[in-house]
């Protein structure tokens, strides 16, 4: 079951919340979702992100399958239980190479972070509590970026789409 990729539901959060100058947007370019912008390292900046609230039931999933085309940069796929700024985000990194890629990210690949710093006391990731999914670019390289998202699919025990 692919998740609905409606650009209107995605919310951009960039380093501007901390004084940085990065910018990004999410738009629909049929049939894909496009996350793009420009990463700036000025004013201690360095991240651009977009996330979306989902009402889907992720209980029992084993990971996520991404069908994406990146620009050669390293991105993060993030899971969150809460929108609170100090809440834990579960992050899995994935490289892009300019071609269309199908990337499986098992739940074991996700690491808990708060504001980019690893959190050892976060406990276990609980799939049934996932409410937000998102992408982040924070590769310490200024310049333009584009990530085409063709689909996001939760995976179940049999390693197939949920």
N, C-alpha and C. Protein backbone atom coordinates (compact mmCIF):
# COMPACT_ATOMS: atom_id res chain seq x y z
N UNK A 1 0.84 -1.17 0.00
CA UNK A 1 0.00 0.00 0.00
C UNK A 1 0.89 1.25 0.00
N UNK A 2 0.86 1.99 -1.09
CA UNK A 2 1.62 3.23 -1.15
C UNK A 2 0.88 4.32 -0.37
N UNK A 3 1.65 5.18 0.28
CA UNK A 3 1.06 6.29 1.00
C UNK A 3 0.70 7.40 0.02
N UNK A 4 -0.34 8.12 0.31
CA UNK A 4 -0.77 9.24 -0.53
C UNK A 4 0.24 10.38 -0.44
N UNK A 5 0.74 10.83 -1.57
CA UNK A 5 1.74 11.90 -1.61
C UNK A 5 1.10 13.20 -2.10
N UNK A 6 0.30 13.80 -1.26
CA UNK A 6 -0.37 15.05 -1.58
C UNK A 6 0.50 16.22 -1.12
N UNK A 7 1.03 17.00 -2.04
CA UNK A 7 1.96 18.10 -1.72
C UNK A 7 1.36 19.10 -0.75
N UNK A 8 0.05 19.27 -0.77
CA UNK A 8 -0.61 20.24 0.11
C UNK A 8 -0.48 19.87 1.59
N UNK A 9 -0.26 18.60 1.87
CA UNK A 9 -0.17 18.14 3.26
C UNK A 9 1.23 18.25 3.84
N UNK A 10 2.24 18.49 3.00
CA UNK A 10 3.63 18.54 3.46
C UNK A 10 3.97 19.93 3.97
N UNK A 11 4.72 19.95 5.06
CA UNK A 11 5.10 21.19 5.73
C UNK A 11 6.63 21.31 5.73
N UNK A 12 7.13 22.45 5.28
CA UNK A 12 8.58 22.68 5.21
C UNK A 12 9.08 23.28 6.51
N UNK A 13 10.20 22.75 7.02
CA UNK A 13 10.88 23.31 8.19
C UNK A 13 12.36 23.37 7.85
N UNK A 14 12.89 24.58 7.78
CA UNK A 14 14.29 24.76 7.41
C UNK A 14 15.07 25.38 8.56
N UNK A 15 16.37 25.56 8.36
CA UNK A 15 17.22 26.12 9.40
C UNK A 15 16.88 27.58 9.73
N UNK A 16 15.96 28.19 9.01
CA UNK A 16 15.54 29.56 9.30
C UNK A 16 14.97 29.67 10.72
N UNK A 17 14.47 28.56 11.26
CA UNK A 17 13.96 28.58 12.64
C UNK A 17 15.08 28.87 13.63
N UNK A 18 16.34 28.73 13.18
CA UNK A 18 17.50 28.99 14.03
C UNK A 18 18.38 30.11 13.46
N UNK A 19 17.85 30.87 12.49
CA UNK A 19 18.61 31.96 11.90
C UNK A 19 19.31 31.64 10.60
N UNK A 20 19.22 30.40 10.14
CA UNK A 20 19.87 30.00 8.89
C UNK A 20 19.16 30.58 7.67
N UNK A 21 19.69 30.28 6.51
CA UNK A 21 19.15 30.87 5.28
C UNK A 21 18.77 29.84 4.22
N UNK A 22 18.68 28.58 4.58
CA UNK A 22 18.28 27.56 3.61
C UNK A 22 16.81 27.75 3.27
N UNK A 23 16.46 27.30 2.07
CA UNK A 23 15.06 27.37 1.65
C UNK A 23 14.69 26.08 0.94
N UNK A 24 13.45 25.72 1.04
CA UNK A 24 12.98 24.53 0.34
C UNK A 24 11.48 24.62 0.11
N UNK A 25 11.00 23.72 -0.75
CA UNK A 25 9.58 23.63 -1.03
C UNK A 25 9.24 22.20 -1.39
N UNK A 26 7.96 21.90 -1.30
CA UNK A 26 7.44 20.60 -1.73
C UNK A 26 6.33 20.90 -2.73
N UNK A 27 6.43 20.26 -3.89
CA UNK A 27 5.39 20.47 -4.90
C UNK A 27 5.10 19.14 -5.60
N UNK A 28 3.95 19.06 -6.19
CA UNK A 28 3.55 17.87 -6.93
C UNK A 28 3.91 18.08 -8.39
N UNK A 29 4.62 17.14 -8.97
CA UNK A 29 4.90 17.12 -10.39
C UNK A 29 4.53 15.71 -10.83
N UNK A 30 3.33 15.55 -11.34
CA UNK A 30 2.77 14.23 -11.59
C UNK A 30 3.79 13.32 -12.25
N UNK A 31 3.96 12.13 -11.80
CA UNK A 31 3.26 11.55 -10.66
C UNK A 31 4.04 11.66 -9.35
N UNK A 32 5.07 12.49 -9.32
CA UNK A 32 5.99 12.53 -8.19
C UNK A 32 5.75 13.72 -7.27
N UNK A 33 6.34 13.62 -6.09
CA UNK A 33 6.42 14.71 -5.14
C UNK A 33 7.86 15.22 -5.23
N UNK A 34 8.06 16.52 -5.33
CA UNK A 34 9.39 17.09 -5.47
C UNK A 34 9.73 17.90 -4.22
N UNK A 35 10.83 17.52 -3.56
CA UNK A 35 11.38 18.26 -2.42
C UNK A 35 12.64 18.92 -2.97
N UNK A 36 12.66 20.26 -3.02
CA UNK A 36 13.79 20.94 -3.62
C UNK A 36 14.04 22.28 -2.95
N UNK A 37 15.19 22.85 -3.23
CA UNK A 37 15.53 24.15 -2.68
C UNK A 37 17.01 24.41 -2.75
N UNK A 38 17.49 25.17 -1.79
CA UNK A 38 18.91 25.49 -1.72
C UNK A 38 19.36 25.43 -0.26
N UNK A 39 20.39 24.64 -0.03
CA UNK A 39 20.95 24.52 1.31
C UNK A 39 22.01 25.60 1.48
N UNK A 40 21.93 26.34 2.59
CA UNK A 40 22.89 27.40 2.89
C UNK A 40 23.55 27.09 4.23
N UNK A 41 24.85 27.34 4.30
CA UNK A 41 25.59 27.17 5.55
C UNK A 41 25.77 28.50 6.27
N UNK A 42 25.24 29.58 5.71
CA UNK A 42 25.35 30.90 6.33
C UNK A 42 24.58 30.96 7.64
N UNK A 43 25.06 31.80 8.56
CA UNK A 43 24.41 31.99 9.87
C UNK A 43 24.22 30.68 10.62
N UNK A 44 25.21 29.80 10.54
CA UNK A 44 25.13 28.50 11.20
C UNK A 44 23.98 27.64 10.71
N UNK A 45 23.60 27.84 9.45
CA UNK A 45 22.53 27.04 8.87
C UNK A 45 23.05 25.70 8.40
N UNK A 46 22.20 25.00 7.68
CA UNK A 46 22.65 23.74 7.13
C UNK A 46 21.63 22.63 7.05
N UNK A 47 20.33 22.93 7.19
CA UNK A 47 19.36 21.86 6.96
C UNK A 47 18.09 22.40 6.31
N UNK A 48 17.49 21.53 5.53
CA UNK A 48 16.19 21.77 4.92
C UNK A 48 15.39 20.49 5.10
N UNK A 49 14.13 20.63 5.47
CA UNK A 49 13.32 19.43 5.70
C UNK A 49 11.87 19.66 5.33
N UNK A 50 11.19 18.56 5.12
CA UNK A 50 9.75 18.57 4.85
C UNK A 50 9.16 17.34 5.52
N UNK A 51 7.98 17.51 6.11
CA UNK A 51 7.34 16.36 6.74
C UNK A 51 5.83 16.45 6.59
N UNK A 52 5.21 15.32 6.80
CA UNK A 52 3.77 15.21 6.61
C UNK A 52 3.17 14.33 7.69
N UNK A 53 2.02 14.74 8.18
CA UNK A 53 1.28 13.94 9.17
C UNK A 53 0.48 12.88 8.43
N UNK A 54 0.55 11.64 8.93
CA UNK A 54 -0.21 10.54 8.35
C UNK A 54 -1.10 9.92 9.42
N UNK A 55 -2.27 9.52 9.03
CA UNK A 55 -3.19 8.84 9.94
C UNK A 55 -3.14 7.33 9.76
N UNK A 56 -2.27 6.87 8.87
CA UNK A 56 -2.17 5.44 8.58
C UNK A 56 -1.74 4.67 9.83
N UNK A 57 -2.12 3.41 9.87
CA UNK A 57 -1.74 2.53 10.97
C UNK A 57 -0.46 1.81 10.58
N UNK A 58 0.63 2.18 11.23
CA UNK A 58 1.92 1.57 10.93
C UNK A 58 2.26 0.42 11.89
N UNK A 59 1.31 0.02 12.71
CA UNK A 59 1.54 -1.09 13.63
C UNK A 59 1.92 -2.35 12.84
N UNK A 60 2.99 -2.99 13.26
CA UNK A 60 3.41 -4.24 12.64
C UNK A 60 4.30 -4.08 11.42
N UNK A 61 4.63 -2.85 11.03
CA UNK A 61 5.51 -2.71 9.87
C UNK A 61 6.95 -3.04 10.27
N UNK A 62 7.76 -3.36 9.27
CA UNK A 62 9.16 -3.69 9.51
C UNK A 62 10.11 -2.65 8.91
N UNK A 63 9.55 -1.69 8.16
CA UNK A 63 10.37 -0.66 7.55
C UNK A 63 9.59 0.08 6.48
N UNK A 64 10.33 0.80 5.64
CA UNK A 64 9.73 1.58 4.56
C UNK A 64 10.51 1.36 3.27
N UNK A 65 9.79 1.36 2.16
CA UNK A 65 10.40 1.29 0.84
C UNK A 65 10.20 2.65 0.16
N UNK A 66 11.31 3.27 -0.25
CA UNK A 66 11.26 4.55 -0.94
C UNK A 66 11.60 4.34 -2.40
N UNK A 67 10.82 4.94 -3.27
CA UNK A 67 11.13 4.98 -4.70
C UNK A 67 11.45 6.45 -4.99
N UNK A 68 12.74 6.76 -5.17
CA UNK A 68 13.19 8.15 -5.27
C UNK A 68 14.22 8.33 -6.39
N UNK A 69 14.38 9.59 -6.79
CA UNK A 69 15.48 9.99 -7.66
C UNK A 69 16.09 11.22 -7.01
N UNK A 70 17.31 11.07 -6.55
CA UNK A 70 18.02 12.19 -5.93
C UNK A 70 19.01 12.80 -6.88
N UNK A 71 19.82 13.66 -6.36
CA UNK A 71 20.77 14.44 -7.16
C UNK A 71 22.22 14.13 -6.80
N UNK A 72 22.45 12.98 -6.18
CA UNK A 72 23.81 12.61 -5.78
C UNK A 72 24.14 12.99 -4.35
N UNK A 73 23.20 13.61 -3.65
CA UNK A 73 23.45 14.00 -2.25
C UNK A 73 22.89 12.94 -1.32
N UNK A 74 23.32 13.01 -0.05
CA UNK A 74 22.84 12.07 0.97
C UNK A 74 21.67 12.70 1.72
N UNK A 75 20.55 11.99 1.76
CA UNK A 75 19.33 12.47 2.41
C UNK A 75 19.02 11.63 3.64
N UNK A 76 18.07 12.10 4.41
CA UNK A 76 17.56 11.37 5.57
C UNK A 76 16.06 11.17 5.38
N UNK A 77 15.59 9.98 5.75
CA UNK A 77 14.15 9.74 5.87
C UNK A 77 13.89 9.71 7.36
N UNK A 78 12.88 10.44 7.81
CA UNK A 78 12.65 10.60 9.24
C UNK A 78 11.24 10.19 9.64
N UNK A 79 11.14 9.62 10.83
CA UNK A 79 9.87 9.22 11.43
C UNK A 79 9.74 9.97 12.75
N UNK A 80 8.54 10.42 13.06
CA UNK A 80 8.32 11.13 14.32
C UNK A 80 6.98 10.72 14.92
N UNK A 81 6.92 10.77 16.25
CA UNK A 81 5.67 10.53 16.96
C UNK A 81 4.95 11.84 17.27
N UNK A 82 5.70 12.95 17.25
CA UNK A 82 5.16 14.24 17.66
C UNK A 82 5.77 15.36 16.84
N UNK A 83 5.02 16.45 16.69
CA UNK A 83 5.53 17.64 16.00
C UNK A 83 6.29 18.56 16.93
N UNK A 84 6.32 18.29 18.21
CA UNK A 84 7.01 19.16 19.17
C UNK A 84 8.48 19.31 18.77
N UNK A 85 9.01 20.52 18.88
CA UNK A 85 10.38 20.79 18.41
C UNK A 85 11.43 19.98 19.17
N UNK A 86 11.18 19.62 20.41
CA UNK A 86 12.14 18.86 21.19
C UNK A 86 11.89 17.36 21.18
N UNK A 87 10.98 16.92 20.31
CA UNK A 87 10.64 15.49 20.25
C UNK A 87 11.71 14.71 19.48
N UNK A 88 11.81 13.44 19.78
CA UNK A 88 12.74 12.55 19.09
C UNK A 88 12.30 12.36 17.64
N UNK A 89 13.26 12.39 16.74
CA UNK A 89 13.05 12.01 15.35
C UNK A 89 13.89 10.75 15.13
N UNK A 90 13.34 9.81 14.41
CA UNK A 90 14.07 8.58 14.08
C UNK A 90 14.56 8.73 12.66
N UNK A 91 15.87 8.68 12.46
CA UNK A 91 16.50 9.03 11.19
C UNK A 91 17.22 7.84 10.57
N UNK A 92 17.02 7.68 9.26
CA UNK A 92 17.79 6.71 8.47
C UNK A 92 18.35 7.46 7.27
N UNK A 93 19.65 7.35 7.07
CA UNK A 93 20.31 8.03 5.96
C UNK A 93 20.27 7.15 4.72
N UNK A 94 20.19 7.81 3.56
CA UNK A 94 20.29 7.07 2.30
C UNK A 94 20.97 7.95 1.26
N UNK A 95 21.87 7.35 0.48
CA UNK A 95 22.54 8.10 -0.58
C UNK A 95 21.67 8.12 -1.83
N UNK A 96 21.87 9.13 -2.65
CA UNK A 96 21.23 9.15 -3.96
C UNK A 96 22.34 9.27 -5.01
N UNK A 97 22.06 8.78 -6.21
CA UNK A 97 23.12 8.77 -7.22
C UNK A 97 22.69 9.38 -8.55
N UNK A 98 21.55 10.05 -8.58
CA UNK A 98 21.08 10.67 -9.81
C UNK A 98 20.14 9.79 -10.61
N UNK A 99 20.10 8.50 -10.29
CA UNK A 99 19.18 7.59 -10.97
C UNK A 99 17.98 7.33 -10.08
N UNK A 100 16.94 6.75 -10.66
CA UNK A 100 15.79 6.35 -9.87
C UNK A 100 16.18 5.11 -9.08
N UNK A 101 15.94 5.16 -7.76
CA UNK A 101 16.35 4.07 -6.87
C UNK A 101 15.17 3.61 -6.02
N UNK A 102 15.12 2.32 -5.75
CA UNK A 102 14.19 1.77 -4.77
C UNK A 102 15.05 1.40 -3.56
N UNK A 103 14.74 2.02 -2.42
CA UNK A 103 15.55 1.87 -1.22
C UNK A 103 14.68 1.31 -0.10
N UNK A 104 15.08 0.17 0.45
CA UNK A 104 14.39 -0.39 1.60
C UNK A 104 15.12 0.03 2.87
N UNK A 105 14.37 0.60 3.80
CA UNK A 105 14.93 1.03 5.08
C UNK A 105 14.24 0.26 6.20
N UNK A 106 14.88 -0.79 6.72
CA UNK A 106 14.29 -1.53 7.84
C UNK A 106 14.27 -0.64 9.08
N UNK A 107 13.34 -0.90 9.98
CA UNK A 107 13.25 -0.09 11.20
C UNK A 107 14.55 -0.07 11.98
N UNK A 108 15.34 -1.15 11.88
CA UNK A 108 16.62 -1.21 12.59
C UNK A 108 17.62 -0.17 12.08
N UNK A 109 17.39 0.38 10.89
CA UNK A 109 18.29 1.38 10.33
C UNK A 109 18.05 2.78 10.90
N UNK A 110 16.95 2.98 11.61
CA UNK A 110 16.60 4.29 12.13
C UNK A 110 17.25 4.53 13.49
N UNK A 111 17.84 5.70 13.65
CA UNK A 111 18.51 6.10 14.89
C UNK A 111 17.82 7.31 15.49
N UNK A 112 17.62 7.32 16.82
CA UNK A 112 16.94 8.44 17.45
C UNK A 112 17.84 9.67 17.58
N UNK A 113 17.30 10.82 17.19
CA UNK A 113 18.03 12.08 17.29
C UNK A 113 17.08 13.19 17.74
N UNK A 114 17.66 14.18 18.37
CA UNK A 114 16.96 15.43 18.67
C UNK A 114 17.88 16.54 18.18
N UNK A 115 17.36 17.34 17.25
CA UNK A 115 18.15 18.43 16.65
C UNK A 115 19.50 17.93 16.12
N UNK A 116 19.50 16.77 15.50
CA UNK A 116 20.70 16.22 14.89
C UNK A 116 21.63 15.47 15.81
N UNK A 117 21.37 15.51 17.11
CA UNK A 117 22.24 14.82 18.07
C UNK A 117 21.62 13.49 18.47
N UNK A 118 22.45 12.47 18.49
CA UNK A 118 22.01 11.12 18.86
C UNK A 118 21.49 11.10 20.29
N UNK A 119 20.42 10.37 20.53
CA UNK A 119 19.78 10.25 21.85
C UNK A 119 19.83 8.80 22.27
N UNK A 120 20.59 8.52 23.31
CA UNK A 120 20.73 7.12 23.74
C UNK A 120 19.57 6.66 24.63
N UNK A 121 18.82 7.58 25.20
CA UNK A 121 17.76 7.23 26.14
C UNK A 121 16.37 7.22 25.50
N UNK A 122 16.29 7.14 24.19
CA UNK A 122 15.00 7.25 23.49
C UNK A 122 14.14 6.00 23.59
N UNK A 123 14.72 4.87 23.94
CA UNK A 123 13.95 3.64 23.95
C UNK A 123 13.80 3.08 22.55
N UNK A 124 12.79 2.26 22.36
CA UNK A 124 12.55 1.60 21.08
C UNK A 124 11.61 2.42 20.20
N UNK A 125 11.82 2.35 18.92
CA UNK A 125 10.89 2.93 17.96
C UNK A 125 9.63 2.07 17.95
N UNK A 126 8.50 2.71 18.16
CA UNK A 126 7.21 2.00 18.18
C UNK A 126 6.43 2.35 16.92
N UNK A 127 6.38 1.45 15.95
CA UNK A 127 5.71 1.75 14.69
C UNK A 127 4.28 2.25 14.85
N UNK A 128 3.56 1.72 15.83
CA UNK A 128 2.17 2.14 16.03
C UNK A 128 2.05 3.60 16.46
N UNK A 129 3.14 4.21 16.91
CA UNK A 129 3.12 5.61 17.36
C UNK A 129 3.59 6.59 16.28
N UNK A 130 4.02 6.10 15.14
CA UNK A 130 4.51 6.99 14.07
C UNK A 130 3.35 7.81 13.54
N UNK A 131 3.52 9.12 13.55
CA UNK A 131 2.49 10.03 13.05
C UNK A 131 2.99 10.93 11.93
N UNK A 132 4.32 11.12 11.83
CA UNK A 132 4.88 12.01 10.82
C UNK A 132 6.03 11.32 10.09
N UNK A 133 6.08 11.54 8.78
CA UNK A 133 7.17 11.05 7.94
C UNK A 133 7.77 12.25 7.24
N UNK A 134 9.07 12.19 6.99
CA UNK A 134 9.66 13.32 6.31
C UNK A 134 11.03 13.05 5.72
N UNK A 135 11.51 14.04 5.01
CA UNK A 135 12.83 14.01 4.41
C UNK A 135 13.63 15.20 4.91
N UNK A 136 14.94 15.01 5.06
CA UNK A 136 15.82 16.09 5.47
C UNK A 136 17.10 16.01 4.67
N UNK A 137 17.63 17.19 4.36
CA UNK A 137 18.96 17.30 3.78
C UNK A 137 19.79 18.10 4.76
N UNK A 138 20.89 17.52 5.21
CA UNK A 138 21.80 18.18 6.17
C UNK A 138 23.21 17.65 5.94
N UNK A 139 23.66 17.69 4.67
CA UNK A 139 24.94 17.07 4.31
C UNK A 139 26.14 18.02 4.34
N UNK A 140 25.95 19.21 4.91
CA UNK A 140 27.02 20.21 5.06
C UNK A 140 27.61 20.66 3.73
N UNK A 141 26.80 20.63 2.68
CA UNK A 141 27.23 21.10 1.37
C UNK A 141 26.22 22.13 0.87
N UNK A 142 26.63 23.38 0.75
CA UNK A 142 25.70 24.39 0.27
C UNK A 142 25.41 24.18 -1.21
N UNK A 143 24.26 24.66 -1.63
CA UNK A 143 23.89 24.59 -3.03
C UNK A 143 22.49 24.04 -3.24
N UNK A 144 22.06 24.03 -4.50
CA UNK A 144 20.71 23.55 -4.82
C UNK A 144 20.58 22.03 -4.65
N UNK A 145 19.35 21.60 -4.41
CA UNK A 145 19.08 20.16 -4.28
C UNK A 145 17.69 19.85 -4.82
N UNK A 146 17.52 18.60 -5.22
CA UNK A 146 16.21 18.11 -5.67
C UNK A 146 16.11 16.63 -5.35
N UNK A 147 15.03 16.27 -4.70
CA UNK A 147 14.71 14.86 -4.44
C UNK A 147 13.31 14.60 -4.97
N UNK A 148 13.20 13.72 -5.97
CA UNK A 148 11.90 13.31 -6.49
C UNK A 148 11.46 12.09 -5.69
N UNK A 149 10.27 12.15 -5.14
CA UNK A 149 9.72 11.02 -4.39
C UNK A 149 8.57 10.43 -5.20
N UNK A 150 8.79 9.22 -5.70
CA UNK A 150 7.77 8.56 -6.52
C UNK A 150 6.79 7.78 -5.66
N UNK A 151 7.29 7.19 -4.56
CA UNK A 151 6.38 6.49 -3.64
C UNK A 151 7.07 6.23 -2.31
N UNK A 152 6.25 6.08 -1.29
CA UNK A 152 6.65 5.65 0.05
C UNK A 152 5.72 4.51 0.42
N UNK A 153 6.28 3.36 0.74
CA UNK A 153 5.46 2.20 1.10
C UNK A 153 5.92 1.61 2.43
N UNK A 154 5.00 1.41 3.37
CA UNK A 154 5.36 0.66 4.57
C UNK A 154 5.58 -0.81 4.21
N UNK A 155 6.56 -1.43 4.83
CA UNK A 155 6.85 -2.84 4.59
C UNK A 155 6.37 -3.70 5.77
N UNK A 156 5.94 -4.89 5.46
CA UNK A 156 5.50 -5.86 6.47
C UNK A 156 6.50 -6.99 6.57
N UNK A 157 6.27 -7.92 7.43
CA UNK A 157 7.18 -9.02 7.74
C UNK A 157 7.71 -9.76 6.53
N UNK A 158 6.91 -9.94 5.49
CA UNK A 158 7.33 -10.71 4.32
C UNK A 158 8.22 -9.90 3.38
N UNK A 159 8.71 -8.73 3.85
CA UNK A 159 9.56 -7.84 3.06
C UNK A 159 8.87 -7.24 1.86
N UNK A 160 7.56 -7.34 1.81
CA UNK A 160 6.82 -6.73 0.72
C UNK A 160 6.05 -5.53 1.21
N UNK A 161 5.52 -4.76 0.29
CA UNK A 161 4.73 -3.60 0.68
C UNK A 161 3.56 -4.00 1.55
N UNK A 162 3.22 -3.13 2.49
CA UNK A 162 2.10 -3.40 3.41
C UNK A 162 0.78 -3.29 2.70
